[in-house]
C-alpha atoms as a PDB file:
ATOM      1  CA  MET A   1     151.229  38.100  50.248  1.00  0.00           C
ATOM      2  CA  ALA A   2     151.993  39.110  53.675  1.00  0.00           C
ATOM      3  CA  LYS A   3     149.444  38.608  56.381  1.00  0.00           C
ATOM      4  CA  ARG A   4     149.386  41.263  59.220  1.00  0.00           C
ATOM      5  CA  ALA A   5     147.042  42.405  62.250  1.00  0.00           C
ATOM      6  CA  ALA A   6     146.294  45.840  63.318  1.00  0.00           C
ATOM      7  CA  SER A   7     144.387  46.083  66.567  1.00  0.00           C
ATOM      8  CA  GLY A   8     143.090  42.444  66.362  1.00  0.00           C
ATOM      9  CA  ILE A   9     142.273  42.619  62.776  1.00  0.00           C
ATOM     10  CA  LYS A  10     143.697  40.495  60.407  1.00  0.00           C
ATOM     11  CA  PHE A  11     144.488  41.459  56.959  1.00  0.00           C
ATOM     12  CA  GLU A  12     146.465  40.754  54.163  1.00  0.00           C
ATOM     13  CA  ARG A  13     148.142  43.159  51.253  1.00  0.00           C
ATOM     14  CA  SER A  14     146.687  43.329  47.847  1.00  0.00           C
ATOM     15  CA  SER A  15     148.582  42.166  45.003  1.00  0.00           C
ATOM     16  CA  GLY A  16     147.124  45.175  43.402  1.00  0.00           C
ATOM     17  CA  ASN A  17     144.779  43.029  41.167  1.00  0.00           C
ATOM     18  CA  VAL A  18     141.494  42.166  43.325  1.00  0.00           C
ATOM     19  CA  PHE A  19     140.782  39.196  40.871  1.00  0.00           C
ATOM     20  CA  ARG A  20     144.523  37.789  41.306  1.00  0.00           C
ATOM     21  CA  ASP A  21     143.535  38.164  44.946  1.00  0.00           C
ATOM     22  CA  LEU A  22     140.243  35.896  44.966  1.00  0.00           C
ATOM     23  CA  GLY A  23     142.762  33.180  42.833  1.00  0.00           C
ATOM     24  CA  LEU A  24     140.728  33.725  39.444  1.00  0.00           C
ATOM     25  CA  ALA A  25     142.612  32.257  36.832  1.00  0.00           C
ATOM     26  CA  ASP A  26     141.952  34.441  34.134  1.00  0.00           C
ATOM     27  CA  ALA A  27     143.035  37.706  36.558  1.00  0.00           C
ATOM     28  CA  ASP A  28     145.127  39.933  34.370  1.00  0.00           C
ATOM     29  CA  GLU A  29     142.197  40.001  31.771  1.00  0.00           C
ATOM     30  CA  LEU A  30     139.420  40.742  34.136  1.00  0.00           C
ATOM     31  CA  LYS A  31     141.611  43.931  35.355  1.00  0.00           C
ATOM     32  CA  ILE A  32     142.320  44.914  32.317  1.00  0.00           C
ATOM     33  CA  LYS A  33     138.216  44.765  31.423  1.00  0.00           C
ATOM     34  CA  SER A  34     137.032  46.245  34.285  1.00  0.00           C
ATOM     35  CA  GLY A  35     139.386  49.212  33.775  1.00  0.00           C
ATOM     36  CA  LEU A  36     138.026  49.658  30.106  1.00  0.00           C
ATOM     37  CA  ALA A  37     134.465  48.981  31.730  1.00  0.00           C
ATOM     38  CA  ILE A  38     134.791  51.446  34.318  1.00  0.00           C
ATOM     39  CA  GLU A  39     136.066  54.173  31.914  1.00  0.00           C
ATOM     40  CA  ILE A  40     133.074  53.332  29.713  1.00  0.00           C
ATOM     41  CA  THR A  41     130.741  54.009  32.416  1.00  0.00           C
ATOM     42  CA  ARG A  42     132.262  57.149  33.464  1.00  0.00           C
ATOM     43  CA  THR A  43     131.815  58.447  29.936  1.00  0.00           C
ATOM     44  CA  VAL A  44     128.648  57.525  29.562  1.00  0.00           C
ATOM     45  CA  ARG A  45     127.423  59.363  32.527  1.00  0.00           C
ATOM     46  CA  ARG A  46     129.786  62.671  31.644  1.00  0.00           C
ATOM     47  CA  LEU A  47     128.360  62.813  28.737  1.00  0.00           C
ATOM     48  CA  GLY A  48     124.621  62.205  29.874  1.00  0.00           C
ATOM     49  CA  LEU A  49     123.935  59.406  27.094  1.00  0.00           C
ATOM     50  CA  THR A  50     121.077  57.082  27.996  1.00  0.00           C
ATOM     51  CA  GLN A  51     121.848  53.584  27.734  1.00  0.00           C
ATOM     52  CA  GLN A  52     119.936  53.312  24.395  1.00  0.00           C
ATOM     53  CA  GLU A  53     122.138  56.382  23.538  1.00  0.00           C
ATOM     54  CA  ALA A  54     125.131  54.968  24.670  1.00  0.00           C
ATOM     55  CA  GLY A  55     124.142  51.752  22.695  1.00  0.00           C
ATOM     56  CA  GLN A  56     123.675  52.891  19.708  1.00  0.00           C
ATOM     57  CA  LYS A  57     127.157  55.116  19.793  1.00  0.00           C
ATOM     58  CA  MET A  58     128.913  51.987  20.931  1.00  0.00           C
ATOM     59  CA  GLY A  59     127.449  49.562  18.314  1.00  0.00           C
ATOM     60  CA  ILE A  60     126.058  47.033  21.673  1.00  0.00           C
ATOM     61  CA  SER A  61     122.289  46.808  22.334  1.00  0.00           C
ATOM     62  CA  GLN A  62     121.239  49.076  25.404  1.00  0.00           C
ATOM     63  CA  ALA A  63     120.903  45.352  27.195  1.00  0.00           C
ATOM     64  CA  LYS A  64     124.555  45.157  27.226  1.00  0.00           C
ATOM     65  CA  VAL A  65     125.141  48.811  27.988  1.00  0.00           C
ATOM     66  CA  SER A  66     123.200  48.286  31.304  1.00  0.00           C
ATOM     67  CA  GLY A  67     124.879  44.867  32.345  1.00  0.00           C
ATOM     68  CA  LEU A  68     128.206  46.748  31.406  1.00  0.00           C
ATOM     69  CA  MET A  69     127.105  49.828  33.855  1.00  0.00           C
ATOM     70  CA  ARG A  70     126.071  46.868  36.810  1.00  0.00           C
ATOM     71  CA  GLY A  71     129.931  45.970  36.305  1.00  0.00           C
ATOM     72  CA  ASP A  72     129.142  42.766  33.983  1.00  0.00           C
ATOM     73  CA  PHE A  73     131.341  43.209  31.082  1.00  0.00           C
ATOM     74  CA  SER A  74     131.437  38.685  30.963  1.00  0.00           C
ATOM     75  CA  ASN A  75     129.879  38.921  27.536  1.00  0.00           C
ATOM     76  CA  LEU A  76     132.119  41.352  25.824  1.00  0.00           C
ATOM     77  CA  SER A  77     135.349  40.816  24.759  1.00  0.00           C
ATOM     78  CA  GLU A  78     138.566  43.412  25.646  1.00  0.00           C
ATOM     79  CA  SER A  79     138.661  43.802  21.855  1.00  0.00           C
ATOM     80  CA  LYS A  80     134.931  45.012  21.693  1.00  0.00           C
ATOM     81  CA  LEU A  81     135.555  47.085  25.183  1.00  0.00           C
ATOM     82  CA  MET A  82     138.240  49.292  23.403  1.00  0.00           C
ATOM     83  CA  GLU A  83     135.829  49.531  20.283  1.00  0.00           C
ATOM     84  CA  CYS A  84     132.983  51.015  22.267  1.00  0.00           C
ATOM     85  CA  LEU A  85     135.933  53.538  23.784  1.00  0.00           C
ATOM     86  CA  ASN A  86     137.228  54.328  20.115  1.00  0.00           C
ATOM     87  CA  ARG A  87     133.549  55.044  19.320  1.00  0.00           C
ATOM     88  CA  LEU A  88     132.992  57.317  22.672  1.00  0.00           C
ATOM     89  CA  GLY A  89     135.743  59.331  21.618  1.00  0.00           C
ATOM     90  CA  TYR A  90     138.805  57.506  22.576  1.00  0.00           C
ATOM     91  CA  ASP A  91     142.335  56.943  21.255  1.00  0.00           C
ATOM     92  CA  ILE A  92     143.639  53.529  22.639  1.00  0.00           C
ATOM     93  CA  GLU A  93     147.170  52.972  22.067  1.00  0.00           C
ATOM     94  CA  ILE A  94     148.736  49.397  23.021  1.00  0.00           C
ATOM     95  CA  LYS A  95     152.655  49.800  24.010  1.00  0.00           C
ATOM     96  CA  LEU A  96     154.565  46.815  23.877  1.00  0.00           C
ATOM     97  CA  LYS A  97     158.242  46.429  25.505  1.00  0.00           C
ATOM     98  CA  PRO A  98     160.453  43.719  26.688  1.00  0.00           C
ATOM     99  CA  ALA A  99     159.339  42.172  30.335  1.00  0.00           C
ATOM    100  CA  ARG A 100     161.578  42.167  33.357  1.00  0.00           C
ATOM    101  CA  LYS A 101     160.461  38.549  34.041  1.00  0.00           C
ATOM    102  CA  ALA A 102     160.116  35.721  32.073  1.00  0.00           C
ATOM    103  CA  VAL A 103     156.555  36.034  31.757  1.00  0.00           C
ATOM    104  CA  GLY A 104     155.178  39.688  30.852  1.00  0.00           C
ATOM    105  CA  GLN A 105     152.284  41.318  32.269  1.00  0.00           C
ATOM    106  CA  ARG A 106     149.217  43.425  30.900  1.00  0.00           C
ATOM    107  CA  THR A 107     148.730  47.202  32.561  1.00  0.00           C
ATOM    108  CA  LEU A 108     145.862  49.431  31.842  1.00  0.00           C
ATOM    109  CA  ALA A 109     146.194  53.435  32.284  1.00  0.00           C
ATOM    110  CA  VAL A 110     144.066  55.996  31.796  1.00  0.00           C
ATOM    111  CA  ALA A 111     145.254  59.651  31.200  1.00  0.00           C
END
């Protein structure tokens, strides 16, 4: 990352993945999971569901919904988060294509 200074304030340009910028080993997985968690939270709010109702609809406990809505998705797998979105009315499409580099990457696009 290139370091720059603006008006005496030093800053670094982001890689596009805050988890990678923080040096976390599982940065790509965390970026995907956080995107899924954000979409679940938005949907629960948009639908006006209580945490209890959301939990029943998604097949998880109210406590896990509470944690999820506070940004704690560590106890839920990527697969479980996708299942929750399915139960909230989302279709999920996984698209595979050859990588441009030797090691591929995972991205999340929400329509």
